[in-house]
PDB file of N, CA and C in Angstrom:
ATOM      1  N   MET A   1       0.534  -1.268   0.007  1.00  0.00           N
ATOM      2  CA  MET A   1      -0.278  -0.093  -0.004  1.00  0.00           C
ATOM      3  C   MET A   1       0.989   1.200   0.031  1.00  0.00           C
ATOM      4  N   ILE A   2       0.318   2.170  -0.307  1.00  0.00           N
ATOM      5  CA  ILE A   2       1.000   3.585  -0.944  1.00  0.00           C
ATOM      6  C   ILE A   2       1.025   4.405   0.880  1.00  0.00           C
ATOM      7  N   SER A   3       2.313   4.645   1.233  1.00  0.00           N
ATOM      8  CA  SER A   3       2.541   5.386   2.230  1.00  0.00           C
ATOM      9  C   SER A   3       1.725   6.834   2.268  1.00  0.00           C
ATOM     10  N   ASN A   4       1.548   7.100   3.938  1.00  0.00           N
ATOM     11  CA  ASN A   4       0.949   8.678   3.867  1.00  0.00           C
ATOM     12  C   ASN A   4       1.241   9.487   2.758  1.00  0.00           C
ATOM     13  N   ASP A   5       2.772   9.821   3.535  1.00  0.00           N
ATOM     14  CA  ASP A   5       3.251  10.913   2.782  1.00  0.00           C
ATOM     15  C   ASP A   5       3.565  10.916   1.330  1.00  0.00           C
ATOM     16  N   THR A   6       4.063   9.427   0.675  1.00  0.00           N
ATOM     17  CA  THR A   6       3.700   9.776  -0.939  1.00  0.00           C
ATOM     18  C   THR A   6       2.603   9.891  -1.505  1.00  0.00           C
ATOM     19  N   LYS A   7       1.627   9.413  -0.748  1.00  0.00           N
ATOM     20  CA  LYS A   7      -0.139  10.188  -1.267  1.00  0.00           C
ATOM     21  C   LYS A   7       0.056  11.561  -1.165  1.00  0.00           C
ATOM     22  N   ARG A   8       0.341  12.074   0.015  1.00  0.00           N
ATOM     23  CA  ARG A   8       0.161  13.285   0.316  1.00  0.00           C
ATOM     24  C   ARG A   8       0.967  14.555  -1.070  1.00  0.00           C
ATOM     25  N   SER A   9       2.316  13.875  -1.209  1.00  0.00           N
ATOM     26  CA  SER A   9       3.435  14.204  -2.046  1.00  0.00           C
ATOM     27  C   SER A   9       3.045  14.228  -3.644  1.00  0.00           C
ATOM     28  N   ILE A  10       1.969  13.114  -3.808  1.00  0.00           N
ATOM     29  CA  ILE A  10       1.271  12.983  -5.251  1.00  0.00           C
ATOM     30  C   ILE A  10       0.244  14.106  -5.251  1.00  0.00           C
ATOM     31  N   LEU A  11      -0.802  14.020  -4.213  1.00  0.00           N
ATOM     32  CA  LEU A  11      -1.904  15.006  -4.724  1.00  0.00           C
ATOM     33  C   LEU A  11      -1.333  16.575  -4.260  1.00  0.00           C
ATOM     34  N   ARG A  12       0.009  16.900  -3.983  1.00  0.00           N
ATOM     35  CA  ARG A  12       0.457  17.964  -3.692  1.00  0.00           C
ATOM     36  C   ARG A  12       0.699  18.394  -5.158  1.00  0.00           C
ATOM     37  N   TRP A  13       1.347  17.732  -6.176  1.00  0.00           N
ATOM     38  CA  TRP A  13       1.949  17.593  -7.010  1.00  0.00           C
ATOM     39  C   TRP A  13       0.550  17.956  -8.004  1.00  0.00           C
ATOM     40  N   ILE A  14       0.017  17.332  -8.168  1.00  0.00           N
ATOM     41  CA  ILE A  14      -1.239  17.165  -8.550  1.00  0.00           C
ATOM     42  C   ILE A  14      -2.130  18.853  -8.883  1.00  0.00           C
ATOM     43  N   HIS A  15      -2.096  19.254  -7.694  1.00  0.00           N
ATOM     44  CA  HIS A  15      -2.615  20.404  -7.435  1.00  0.00           C
ATOM     45  C   HIS A  15      -1.937  21.619  -7.693  1.00  0.00           C
ATOM     46  N   ILE A  16      -0.447  21.610  -7.735  1.00  0.00           N
ATOM     47  CA  ILE A  16      -0.099  22.727  -8.167  1.00  0.00           C
ATOM     48  C   ILE A  16       0.367  22.235 -10.059  1.00  0.00           C
ATOM     49  N   ILE A  17      -0.005  21.393 -10.268  1.00  0.00           N
ATOM     50  CA  ILE A  17       0.442  21.663 -11.628  1.00  0.00           C
ATOM     51  C   ILE A  17      -0.670  21.672 -12.563  1.00  0.00           C
ATOM     52  N   ILE A  18      -1.987  20.849 -11.969  1.00  0.00           N
ATOM     53  CA  ILE A  18      -3.434  21.420 -12.692  1.00  0.00           C
ATOM     54  C   ILE A  18      -3.767  23.397 -12.205  1.00  0.00           C
ATOM     55  N   THR A  19      -2.825  23.995 -11.372  1.00  0.00           N
ATOM     56  CA  THR A  19      -2.941  25.010 -11.553  1.00  0.00           C
ATOM     57  C   THR A  19      -2.476  25.962 -12.619  1.00  0.00           C
ATOM     58  N   ILE A  20      -1.695  25.610 -13.222  1.00  0.00           N
ATOM     59  CA  ILE A  20      -0.827  26.414 -14.463  1.00  0.00           C
ATOM     60  C   ILE A  20      -2.192  26.645 -15.031  1.00  0.00           C
ATOM     61  N   PRO A  21      -2.808  25.668 -15.680  1.00  0.00           N
ATOM     62  CA  PRO A  21      -3.933  26.297 -16.963  1.00  0.00           C
ATOM     63  C   PRO A  21      -4.926  27.229 -16.414  1.00  0.00           C
ATOM     64  N   ILE A  22      -5.138  27.128 -14.795  1.00  0.00           N
ATOM     65  CA  ILE A  22      -5.627  28.887 -14.577  1.00  0.00           C
ATOM     66  C   ILE A  22      -5.484  29.852 -14.695  1.00  0.00           C
ATOM     67  N   LEU A  23      -4.228  29.904 -14.099  1.00  0.00           N
ATOM     68  CA  LEU A  23      -3.367  30.936 -14.568  1.00  0.00           C
ATOM     69  C   LEU A  23      -3.479  31.656 -15.911  1.00  0.00           C
ATOM     70  N   GLY A  24      -2.986  30.645 -16.797  1.00  0.00           N
ATOM     71  CA  GLY A  24      -3.026  30.669 -17.921  1.00  0.00           C
ATOM     72  C   GLY A  24      -4.679  31.565 -18.711  1.00  0.00           C
ATOM     73  N   TYR A  25      -6.064  31.392 -17.680  1.00  0.00           N
ATOM     74  CA  TYR A  25      -7.055  31.361 -17.647  1.00  0.00           C
ATOM     75  C   TYR A  25      -7.390  33.433 -17.200  1.00  0.00           C
ATOM     76  N   ILE A  26      -6.680  33.312 -16.428  1.00  0.00           N
ATOM     77  CA  ILE A  26      -6.891  34.765 -15.236  1.00  0.00           C
ATOM     78  C   ILE A  26      -6.109  35.321 -16.317  1.00  0.00           C
ATOM     79  N   TYR A  27      -4.778  35.132 -16.991  1.00  0.00           N
ATOM     80  CA  TYR A  27      -3.859  36.382 -17.225  1.00  0.00           C
ATOM     81  C   TYR A  27      -3.454  36.191 -18.772  1.00  0.00           C
ATOM     82  N   GLY A  28      -4.356  35.157 -19.226  1.00  0.00           N
ATOM     83  CA  GLY A  28      -4.376  34.941 -20.880  1.00  0.00           C
ATOM     84  C   GLY A  28      -5.205  35.911 -21.769  1.00  0.00           C
ATOM     85  N   PRO A  29      -5.208  36.388 -22.793  1.00  0.00           N
ATOM     86  CA  PRO A  29      -5.462  37.612 -23.795  1.00  0.00           C
ATOM     87  C   PRO A  29      -7.224  36.856 -23.856  1.00  0.00           C
ATOM     88  N   ALA A  30      -8.163  38.001 -23.473  1.00  0.00           N
ATOM     89  CA  ALA A  30      -9.794  37.814 -23.569  1.00  0.00           C
ATOM     90  C   ALA A  30     -10.150  36.678 -24.596  1.00  0.00           C
ATOM     91  N   SER A  31      -9.330  37.212 -26.202  1.00  0.00           N
ATOM     92  CA  SER A  31      -9.746  36.266 -27.181  1.00  0.00           C
ATOM     93  C   SER A  31      -9.818  35.068 -27.499  1.00  0.00           C
ATOM     94  N   GLU A  32      -8.208  34.775 -26.282  1.00  0.00           N
ATOM     95  CA  GLU A  32      -7.929  33.248 -26.602  1.00  0.00           C
ATOM     96  C   GLU A  32      -8.477  32.373 -24.911  1.00  0.00           C
ATOM     97  N   VAL A  33      -8.987  33.138 -24.356  1.00  0.00           N
ATOM     98  CA  VAL A  33      -9.599  32.308 -23.188  1.00  0.00           C
ATOM     99  C   VAL A  33     -10.686  31.829 -23.450  1.00  0.00           C
ATOM    100  N   GLN A  34     -11.874  32.152 -24.036  1.00  0.00           N
ATOM    101  CA  GLN A  34     -13.139  31.511 -23.968  1.00  0.00           C
ATOM    102  C   GLN A  34     -12.648  30.188 -25.291  1.00  0.00           C
ATOM    103  N   GLU A  35     -11.630  30.240 -25.380  1.00  0.00           N
ATOM    104  CA  GLU A  35     -11.642  28.521 -26.594  1.00  0.00           C
ATOM    105  C   GLU A  35     -11.483  27.147 -25.425  1.00  0.00           C
ATOM    106  N   TYR A  36     -10.812  27.818 -24.002  1.00  0.00           N
ATOM    107  CA  TYR A  36     -10.178  26.394 -22.939  1.00  0.00           C
ATOM    108  C   TYR A  36     -11.404  27.095 -21.568  1.00  0.00           C
ATOM    109  N   ALA A  37     -12.259  27.858 -21.643  1.00  0.00           N
ATOM    110  CA  ALA A  37     -12.862  28.021 -20.772  1.00  0.00           C
ATOM    111  C   ALA A  37     -13.638  27.213 -19.900  1.00  0.00           C
ATOM    112  N   GLY A  38     -14.425  26.166 -20.593  1.00  0.00           N
ATOM    113  CA  GLY A  38     -14.883  24.562 -20.210  1.00  0.00           C
ATOM    114  C   GLY A  38     -13.976  24.074 -19.638  1.00  0.00           C
ATOM    115  N   PHE A  39     -12.800  23.751 -20.328  1.00  0.00           N
ATOM    116  CA  PHE A  39     -11.772  22.593 -19.600  1.00  0.00           C
ATOM    117  C   PHE A  39     -11.287  22.933 -18.237  1.00  0.00           C
ATOM    118  N   VAL A  40     -11.116  24.758 -17.797  1.00  0.00           N
ATOM    119  CA  VAL A  40     -10.582  25.144 -16.584  1.00  0.00           C
ATOM    120  C   VAL A  40     -11.993  25.115 -15.682  1.00  0.00           C
ATOM    121  N   ARG A  41     -13.175  25.349 -16.273  1.00  0.00           N
ATOM    122  CA  ARG A  41     -14.404  24.754 -15.286  1.00  0.00           C
ATOM    123  C   ARG A  41     -14.933  23.294 -14.652  1.00  0.00           C
ATOM    124  N   PHE A  42     -14.669  23.120 -15.246  1.00  0.00           N
ATOM    125  CA  PHE A  42     -14.786  21.782 -15.310  1.00  0.00           C
ATOM    126  C   PHE A  42     -14.147  20.331 -15.582  1.00  0.00           C
ATOM    127  N   VAL A  43     -13.305  20.855 -15.614  1.00  0.00           N
ATOM    128  CA  VAL A  43     -11.804  20.070 -15.534  1.00  0.00           C
ATOM    129  C   VAL A  43     -10.671  20.187 -14.486  1.00  0.00           C
ATOM    130  N   CYS A  44      -9.778  21.505 -14.751  1.00  0.00           N
ATOM    131  CA  CYS A  44      -9.037  22.124 -13.533  1.00  0.00           C
ATOM    132  C   CYS A  44      -9.496  22.356 -12.590  1.00  0.00           C
ATOM    133  N   VAL A  45     -10.771  23.010 -12.283  1.00  0.00           N
ATOM    134  CA  VAL A  45     -11.265  23.065 -10.897  1.00  0.00           C
ATOM    135  C   VAL A  45     -11.664  22.433 -10.277  1.00  0.00           C
ATOM    136  N   PRO A  46     -12.494  21.265 -10.770  1.00  0.00           N
ATOM    137  CA  PRO A  46     -12.731  20.082 -10.091  1.00  0.00           C
ATOM    138  C   PRO A  46     -11.625  19.287  -9.081  1.00  0.00           C
ATOM    139  N   VAL A  47     -10.871  18.949 -10.124  1.00  0.00           N
ATOM    140  CA  VAL A  47      -9.154  18.079  -9.923  1.00  0.00           C
ATOM    141  C   VAL A  47      -8.239  19.141  -8.771  1.00  0.00           C
ATOM    142  N   ILE A  48      -8.204  20.344  -8.568  1.00  0.00           N
ATOM    143  CA  ILE A  48      -8.030  21.111  -7.662  1.00  0.00           C
ATOM    144  C   ILE A  48      -8.772  21.032  -6.193  1.00  0.00           C
ATOM    145  N   VAL A  49      -9.884  20.994  -6.697  1.00  0.00           N
ATOM    146  CA  VAL A  49     -11.093  21.147  -5.547  1.00  0.00           C
ATOM    147  C   VAL A  49     -10.598  19.363  -4.320  1.00  0.00           C
ATOM    148  N   LEU A  50     -10.721  18.628  -5.722  1.00  0.00           N
ATOM    149  CA  LEU A  50     -10.397  17.390  -4.952  1.00  0.00           C
ATOM    150  C   LEU A  50      -9.767  16.651  -4.458  1.00  0.00           C
ATOM    151  N   SER A  51      -8.381  17.701  -4.659  1.00  0.00           N
ATOM    152  CA  SER A  51      -6.927  17.133  -4.293  1.00  0.00           C
ATOM    153  C   SER A  51      -6.978  18.194  -3.018  1.00  0.00           C
ATOM    154  N   GLY A  52      -7.069  19.033  -3.362  1.00  0.00           N
ATOM    155  CA  GLY A  52      -6.973  20.236  -1.781  1.00  0.00           C
ATOM    156  C   GLY A  52      -7.929  19.618  -0.809  1.00  0.00           C
ATOM    157  N   LEU A  53      -8.879  19.068  -1.001  1.00  0.00           N
ATOM    158  CA  LEU A  53     -10.074  18.431   0.036  1.00  0.00           C
ATOM    159  C   LEU A  53      -9.776  17.009   0.436  1.00  0.00           C
ATOM    160  N   TRP A  54      -9.033  16.989  -0.376  1.00  0.00           N
ATOM    161  CA  TRP A  54      -8.518  14.850  -0.043  1.00  0.00           C
ATOM    162  C   TRP A  54      -7.164  15.686   0.572  1.00  0.00           C
ATOM    163  N   MET A  55      -6.736  16.337   0.718  1.00  0.00           N
ATOM    164  CA  MET A  55      -5.377  16.504   1.628  1.00  0.00           C
ATOM    165  C   MET A  55      -5.856  17.102   2.996  1.00  0.00           C
ATOM    166  N   TYR A  56      -6.866  18.184   3.071  1.00  0.00           N
ATOM    167  CA  TYR A  56      -7.415  18.510   4.065  1.00  0.00           C
ATOM    168  C   TYR A  56      -8.198  17.850   5.005  1.00  0.00           C
ATOM    169  N   SER A  57      -9.217  16.642   4.295  1.00  0.00           N
ATOM    170  CA  SER A  57     -10.268  16.120   5.328  1.00  0.00           C
ATOM    171  C   SER A  57     -10.767  14.562   4.721  1.00  0.00           C
ATOM    172  N   GLY A  58      -9.664  14.092   3.868  1.00  0.00           N
ATOM    173  CA  GLY A  58      -9.599  12.850   3.353  1.00  0.00           C
ATOM    174  C   GLY A  58     -10.640  12.766   1.932  1.00  0.00           C
ATOM    175  N   ALA A  59     -10.294  11.289   1.786  1.00  0.00           N
ATOM    176  CA  ALA A  59     -11.692  11.110   0.136  1.00  0.00           C
ATOM    177  C   ALA A  59     -12.444  11.221   0.120  1.00  0.00           C
ATOM    178  N   PHE A  60     -13.606  10.764   1.194  1.00  0.00           N
ATOM    179  CA  PHE A  60     -15.091  10.764   1.509  1.00  0.00           C
ATOM    180  C   PHE A  60     -14.932  11.952   1.279  1.00  0.00           C
ATOM    181  N   PHE A  61     -14.617  13.108   2.059  1.00  0.00           N
ATOM    182  CA  PHE A  61     -15.318  14.633   1.964  1.00  0.00           C
ATOM    183  C   PHE A  61     -14.864  15.293   0.449  1.00  0.00           C
ATOM    184  N   ALA A  62     -13.621  14.625  -0.019  1.00  0.00           N
ATOM    185  CA  ALA A  62     -13.212  15.133  -1.291  1.00  0.00           C
ATOM    186  C   ALA A  62     -14.166  14.797  -2.493  1.00  0.00           C
ATOM    187  N   ILE A  63     -14.532  13.711  -2.467  1.00  0.00           N
ATOM    188  CA  ILE A  63     -15.685  13.304  -3.203  1.00  0.00           C
ATOM    189  C   ILE A  63     -16.751  13.814  -3.366  1.00  0.00           C
ATOM    190  N   ALA A  64     -17.228  14.187  -1.969  1.00  0.00           N
ATOM    191  CA  ALA A  64     -18.544  14.771  -1.888  1.00  0.00           C
ATOM    192  C   ALA A  64     -18.516  16.565  -2.194  1.00  0.00           C
ATOM    193  N   GLY A  65     -17.407  16.738  -1.776  1.00  0.00           N
ATOM    194  CA  GLY A  65     -16.973  18.099  -1.983  1.00  0.00           C
ATOM    195  C   GLY A  65     -17.071  18.554  -3.690  1.00  0.00           C
ATOM    196  N   VAL A  66     -16.397  17.766  -4.297  1.00  0.00           N
ATOM    197  CA  VAL A  66     -16.366  17.797  -6.099  1.00  0.00           C
ATOM    198  C   VAL A  66     -18.099  17.743  -6.824  1.00  0.00           C
ATOM    199  N   ALA A  67     -18.215  16.468  -6.111  1.00  0.00           N
ATOM    200  CA  ALA A  67     -19.840  16.406  -6.560  1.00  0.00           C
ATOM    201  C   ALA A  67     -20.810  17.626  -6.218  1.00  0.00           C
ATOM    202  N   ALA A  68     -20.599  18.095  -4.947  1.00  0.00           N
ATOM    203  CA  ALA A  68     -21.815  19.167  -4.721  1.00  0.00           C
ATOM    204  C   ALA A  68     -21.311  20.491  -5.448  1.00  0.00           C
ATOM    205  N   LEU A  69     -20.243  20.694  -5.416  1.00  0.00           N
ATOM    206  CA  LEU A  69     -19.343  21.916  -6.144  1.00  0.00           C
ATOM    207  C   LEU A  69     -19.761  21.917  -7.714  1.00  0.00           C
ATOM    208  N   LEU A  70     -19.786  20.471  -8.557  1.00  0.00           N
ATOM    209  CA  LEU A  70     -20.033  20.533 -10.102  1.00  0.00           C
ATOM    210  C   LEU A  70     -21.822  20.902 -10.062  1.00  0.00           C
ATOM    211  N   GLY A  71     -22.436  19.709  -9.441  1.00  0.00           N
ATOM    212  CA  GLY A  71     -23.940  19.743  -9.279  1.00  0.00           C
ATOM    213  C   GLY A  71     -24.479  20.891  -9.099  1.00  0.00           C
ATOM    214  N   ALA A  72     -24.037  22.312  -7.941  1.00  0.00           N
ATOM    215  CA  ALA A  72     -24.368  23.292  -7.801  1.00  0.00           C
ATOM    216  C   ALA A  72     -23.808  24.491  -9.018  1.00  0.00           C
ATOM    217  N   TYR A  73     -22.721  23.994  -9.414  1.00  0.00           N
ATOM    218  CA  TYR A  73     -22.511  24.857 -10.466  1.00  0.00           C
ATOM    219  C   TYR A  73     -23.086  25.004 -11.553  1.00  0.00           C
ATOM    220  N   ARG A  74     -23.644  23.547 -12.095  1.00  0.00           N
ATOM    221  CA  ARG A  74     -24.508  23.352 -13.312  1.00  0.00           C
ATOM    222  C   ARG A  74     -25.825  23.671 -12.923  1.00  0.00           C
ATOM    223  N   LEU A  75     -26.624  23.572 -12.075  1.00  0.00           N
ATOM    224  CA  LEU A  75     -27.439  23.789 -11.500  1.00  0.00           C
ATOM    225  C   LEU A  75     -28.060  25.629 -11.505  1.00  0.00           C
ATOM    226  N   TYR A  76     -27.073  25.802 -10.537  1.00  0.00           N
ATOM    227  CA  TYR A  76     -27.544  27.323  -9.650  1.00  0.00           C
ATOM    228  C   TYR A  76     -26.497  28.506  -9.810  1.00  0.00           C
ATOM    229  N   GLY A  77     -25.071  28.309 -10.409  1.00  0.00           N
ATOM    230  CA  GLY A  77     -23.988  29.173 -10.326  1.00  0.00           C
ATOM    231  C   GLY A  77     -23.358  28.838 -10.220  1.00  0.00           C
ATOM    232  N   TYR A  78     -22.764  29.696 -10.247  1.00  0.00           N
ATOM    233  CA  TYR A  78     -21.183  30.167  -8.993  1.00  0.00           C
ATOM    234  C   TYR A  78     -21.673  30.412  -7.840  1.00  0.00           C
ATOM    235  N   GLY A  79     -22.618  31.346  -7.351  1.00  0.00           N
ATOM    236  CA  GLY A  79     -22.738  31.693  -5.705  1.00  0.00           C
ATOM    237  C   GLY A  79     -22.852  30.338  -5.434  1.00  0.00           C
ATOM    238  N   ALA A  80     -23.859  29.201  -5.639  1.00  0.00           N
ATOM    239  CA  ALA A  80     -24.410  28.688  -5.257  1.00  0.00           C
ATOM    240  C   ALA A  80     -23.585  27.450  -4.872  1.00  0.00           C
ATOM    241  N   ALA A  81     -22.119  27.281  -5.665  1.00  0.00           N
ATOM    242  CA  ALA A  81     -21.123  26.247  -5.891  1.00  0.00           C
ATOM    243  C   ALA A  81     -20.506  26.653  -4.316  1.00  0.00           C
ATOM    244  N   VAL A  82     -20.219  28.200  -4.400  1.00  0.00           N
ATOM    245  CA  VAL A  82     -19.340  28.456  -3.027  1.00  0.00           C
ATOM    246  C   VAL A  82     -20.354  28.204  -2.068  1.00  0.00           C
ATOM    247  N   LEU A  83     -21.294  28.505  -1.883  1.00  0.00           N
ATOM    248  CA  LEU A  83     -22.185  28.217  -0.566  1.00  0.00           C
ATOM    249  C   LEU A  83     -22.207  26.594  -0.515  1.00  0.00           C
ATOM    250  N   THR A  84     -22.300  25.738  -1.146  1.00  0.00           N
ATOM    251  CA  THR A  84     -22.514  24.475  -0.589  1.00  0.00           C
ATOM    252  C   THR A  84     -20.739  24.219  -0.430  1.00  0.00           C
ATOM    253  N   THR A  85     -19.778  24.132  -0.863  1.00  0.00           N
ATOM    254  CA  THR A  85     -18.465  24.183  -0.428  1.00  0.00           C
ATOM    255  C   THR A  85     -18.230  24.683   1.065  1.00  0.00           C
ATOM    256  N   VAL A  86     -18.876  25.777   1.161  1.00  0.00           N
ATOM    257  CA  VAL A  86     -19.130  26.297   2.901  1.00  0.00           C
ATOM    258  C   VAL A  86     -19.936  25.513   3.358  1.00  0.00           C
ATOM    259  N   ALA A  87     -20.817  24.958   2.974  1.00  0.00           N
ATOM    260  CA  ALA A  87     -21.680  24.182   3.948  1.00  0.00           C
ATOM    261  C   ALA A  87     -21.115  22.693   4.308  1.00  0.00           C
ATOM    262  N   LEU A  88     -20.158  22.549   3.343  1.00  0.00           N
ATOM    263  CA  LEU A  88     -19.482  20.909   3.422  1.00  0.00           C
ATOM    264  C   LEU A  88     -18.400  20.860   4.275  1.00  0.00           C
ATOM    265  N   PHE A  89     -17.890  22.261   4.801  1.00  0.00           N
ATOM    266  CA  PHE A  89     -16.822  21.887   5.321  1.00  0.00           C
ATOM    267  C   PHE A  89     -17.503  22.545   7.042  1.00  0.00           C
ATOM    268  N   ILE A  90     -18.576  23.298   6.618  1.00  0.00           N
ATOM    269  CA  ILE A  90     -19.287  23.389   8.226  1.00  0.00           C
ATOM    270  C   ILE A  90     -20.272  21.796   8.956  1.00  0.00           C
ATOM    271  N   ALA A  91     -20.329  21.546   7.633  1.00  0.00           N
ATOM    272  CA  ALA A  91     -20.726  19.717   7.708  1.00  0.00           C
ATOM    273  C   ALA A  91     -19.930  18.893   8.208  1.00  0.00           C
ATOM    274  N   ARG A  92     -18.643  19.432   7.959  1.00  0.00           N
ATOM    275  CA  ARG A  92     -17.368  18.392   8.335  1.00  0.00           C
ATOM    276  C   ARG A  92     -17.270  18.731   9.524  1.00  0.00           C
ATOM    277  N   LYS A  93     -17.288  20.068  10.099  1.00  0.00           N
ATOM    278  CA  LYS A  93     -16.834  20.557  11.591  1.00  0.00           C
ATOM    279  C   LYS A  93     -17.582  20.098  12.446  1.00  0.00           C
ATOM    280  N   ILE A  94     -19.068  20.227  12.182  1.00  0.00           N
ATOM    281  CA  ILE A  94     -20.081  19.574  13.472  1.00  0.00           C
ATOM    282  C   ILE A  94     -19.848  17.750  13.575  1.00  0.00           C
ATOM    283  N   TRP A  95     -19.433  17.166  11.956  1.00  0.00           N
ATOM    284  CA  TRP A  95     -19.244  15.918  12.272  1.00  0.00           C
ATOM    285  C   TRP A  95     -18.015  15.522  13.312  1.00  0.00           C
ATOM    286  N   LEU A  96     -16.823  15.884  13.122  1.00  0.00           N
ATOM    287  CA  LEU A  96     -15.679  16.032  13.872  1.00  0.00           C
ATOM    288  C   LEU A  96     -16.202  16.476  15.781  1.00  0.00           C
ATOM    289  N   VAL A  97     -17.109  17.051  15.635  1.00  0.00           N
ATOM    290  CA  VAL A  97     -17.506  17.509  16.691  1.00  0.00           C
ATOM    291  C   VAL A  97     -18.088  16.729  18.021  1.00  0.00           C
ATOM    292  N   ILE A  98     -18.947  16.423  17.134  1.00  0.00           N
ATOM    293  CA  ILE A  98     -19.634  14.976  17.279  1.00  0.00           C
ATOM    294  C   ILE A  98     -19.353  13.925  17.182  1.00  0.00           C
ATOM    295  N   ARG A  99     -18.138  14.011  16.599  1.00  0.00           N
ATOM    296  CA  ARG A  99     -17.539  12.324  16.604  1.00  0.00           C
ATOM    297  C   ARG A  99     -16.201  12.294  18.133  1.00  0.00           C
ATOM    298  N   GLU A 100     -16.011  13.122  18.379  1.00  0.00           N
ATOM    299  CA  GLU A 100     -15.088  13.874  19.650  1.00  0.00           C
ATOM    300  C   GLU A 100     -15.766  13.611  21.297  1.00  0.00           C
ATOM    301  N   ARG A 101     -17.196  14.481  21.164  1.00  0.00           N
ATOM    302  CA  ARG A 101     -17.936  14.314  21.946  1.00  0.00           C
ATOM    303  C   ARG A 101     -18.763  12.593  22.484  1.00  0.00           C
ATOM    304  N   TYR A 102     -18.406  12.072  21.229  1.00  0.00           N
ATOM    305  CA  TYR A 102     -19.101  10.863  21.102  1.00  0.00           C
ATOM    306  C   TYR A 102     -18.085   9.742  22.117  1.00  0.00           C
ATOM    307  N   SER A 103     -16.694  10.000  21.782  1.00  0.00           N
ATOM    308  CA  SER A 103     -15.772   9.574  21.759  1.00  0.00           C
ATOM    309  C   SER A 103     -15.073   9.648  23.543  1.00  0.00           C
ATOM    310  N   ILE A 104     -15.110  10.812  23.532  1.00  0.00           N
ATOM    311  CA  ILE A 104     -15.178  11.228  25.038  1.00  0.00           C
ATOM    312  C   ILE A 104     -16.305  10.720  26.088  1.00  0.00           C
ATOM    313  N   GLY A 105     -17.020  10.386  25.893  1.00  0.00           N
ATOM    314  CA  GLY A 105     -18.554   9.836  26.521  1.00  0.00           C
ATOM    315  C   GLY A 105     -17.807   8.768  26.769  1.00  0.00           C
ATOM    316  N   LYS A 106     -17.769   7.799  26.002  1.00  0.00           N
ATOM    317  CA  LYS A 106     -17.279   6.324  26.097  1.00  0.00           C
ATOM    318  C   LYS A 106     -16.439   6.135  26.777  1.00  0.00           C
ATOM    319  N   LYS A 107     -15.643   7.112  27.087  1.00  0.00           N
ATOM    320  CA  LYS A 107     -14.484   6.884  28.074  1.00  0.00           C
ATOM    321  C   LYS A 107     -14.552   6.549  29.710  1.00  0.00           C
TER     322      LYS A 107
END
């Protein structure tokens, strides 16, 4: 099995490398940006969110976060996608607090 250090290093490099097209999207000429806007929105951003959430909170929340992000963006737009991601972070924090309280109560 792959060690946690190796997994984290791989995810970190994926996170860094996939950021390069986003920089081109932000700083590129407006006439050329529209050609790869879909690639940046629907491939690069979800991969960055997936790798970032995976490093931060694990695989379950990473996959749930990307699914919620893409679904909310596709159905309701950018604002809803950001709010969905914030709601996921709040739900994760609540889950961690409840889990910790439950483990303290069992001792």
